[in-house]
Protein backbone atom coordinates (compact mmCIF):
# COMPACT_ATOMS: atom_id res chain seq x y z
CA MET A 1 -0.31 3.74 12.35
CA LEU A 2 -1.66 0.38 13.46
CA ARG A 3 -4.93 0.17 15.37
CA TRP A 4 -6.65 -3.07 16.36
CA ASN A 5 -9.77 -4.69 17.78
CA ALA A 6 -9.37 -7.92 19.71
CA THR A 7 -11.31 -10.73 21.31
CA ARG A 8 -11.37 -11.04 25.05
CA GLY A 9 -9.41 -14.09 26.00
CA GLY A 10 -9.71 -14.30 29.78
CA ARG A 11 -6.30 -15.51 30.93
CA ARG A 12 -5.08 -15.97 27.38
CA MET A 13 -3.69 -13.09 25.37
CA ARG A 14 -6.31 -11.41 23.27
CA SER A 15 -5.98 -12.17 19.59
CA PRO A 16 -6.70 -9.57 16.92
CA LEU A 17 -10.04 -9.59 15.07
CA ARG A 18 -9.42 -6.52 12.92
CA PHE A 19 -6.64 -4.04 12.44
CA ARG A 20 -6.28 -0.75 10.63
CA LEU A 21 -3.19 0.42 8.76
CA ASP A 22 -3.30 4.02 7.65
CA GLU A 23 -6.82 4.40 6.25
CA HIS A 24 -7.58 0.75 5.42
CA GLU A 25 -9.23 -1.73 7.79
CA TYR A 26 -8.42 -5.45 7.53
CA ARG A 27 -10.35 -8.35 9.00
CA VAL A 28 -8.34 -11.21 10.46
CA GLU A 29 -9.28 -14.42 8.63
CA GLU A 30 -6.98 -16.71 10.59
CA VAL A 31 -4.37 -16.56 13.35
CA LEU A 32 -1.66 -18.85 11.95
CA ASP A 33 0.77 -18.68 14.85
CA GLN A 34 1.36 -16.92 18.15
CA TRP A 35 4.55 -16.69 20.20
CA TYR A 36 5.91 -14.80 23.16
CA GLY A 37 8.99 -12.67 23.79
CA PRO A 38 10.09 -11.09 27.08
CA ASP A 39 8.03 -7.91 26.53
CA HIS A 40 5.87 -8.73 23.51
CA VAL A 41 3.46 -11.24 22.05
CA PHE A 42 3.52 -11.84 18.30
CA PHE A 43 0.70 -12.92 15.99
CA LYS A 44 1.13 -14.26 12.46
CA ILE A 45 -2.19 -13.71 10.72
CA ARG A 46 -3.86 -13.97 7.33
CA ALA A 47 -6.09 -10.98 6.62
CA ASP A 48 -9.09 -10.68 4.33
CA ASP A 49 -6.84 -9.31 1.55
CA GLY A 50 -4.94 -12.63 1.53
CA GLY A 51 -1.79 -11.00 2.90
CA LEU A 52 0.29 -12.47 5.72
CA TYR A 53 1.05 -10.10 8.58
CA ILE A 54 3.10 -10.38 11.74
CA LEU A 55 1.81 -8.06 14.44
CA ARG A 56 3.63 -7.38 17.71
CA HIS A 57 1.86 -6.30 20.90
CA GLU A 58 3.83 -4.76 23.75
CA THR A 59 2.90 -6.53 26.99
CA SER A 60 5.35 -4.85 29.37
CA VAL A 61 2.94 -1.94 29.94
CA LEU A 62 -0.80 -1.98 30.61
CA GLU A 63 -1.87 -0.18 27.43
CA GLY A 64 0.91 -1.55 25.23
CA GLY A 65 0.94 -0.59 21.60
CA TRP A 66 0.80 -2.68 18.44
CA GLU A 67 3.27 -2.67 15.56
CA LEU A 68 3.44 -4.21 12.12
CA VAL A 69 6.61 -6.31 12.05
CA SER A 70 6.29 -8.01 8.67
CA PHE A 71 4.00 -8.18 5.64
CA ARG A 72 3.93 -10.55 2.69
CA GLU A 73 1.60 -10.08 -0.26
CA PRO A 74 -0.60 -12.98 -1.33
CA ARG A 75 0.75 -15.24 -4.05
CA ARG A 76 -0.73 -14.63 -7.47
CA GLY A 77 -1.35 -17.36 -9.98
């Protein structure tokens, strides 16, 4: 399950500050990219574990959910 905390962005889409996967909470270090689909907004982020995540937020309903779309582990070495 993905849960999130976000900034308030006024007219702009809120961007995630933290998110929780299962029992672990991650802090967003950097939003690397953001793009829009017909019913979703996507965020490519780097979390405090060094991993790259793509999160999708459903915008077609008022309380739209969040999903993890992609994850890449940090490079070692």
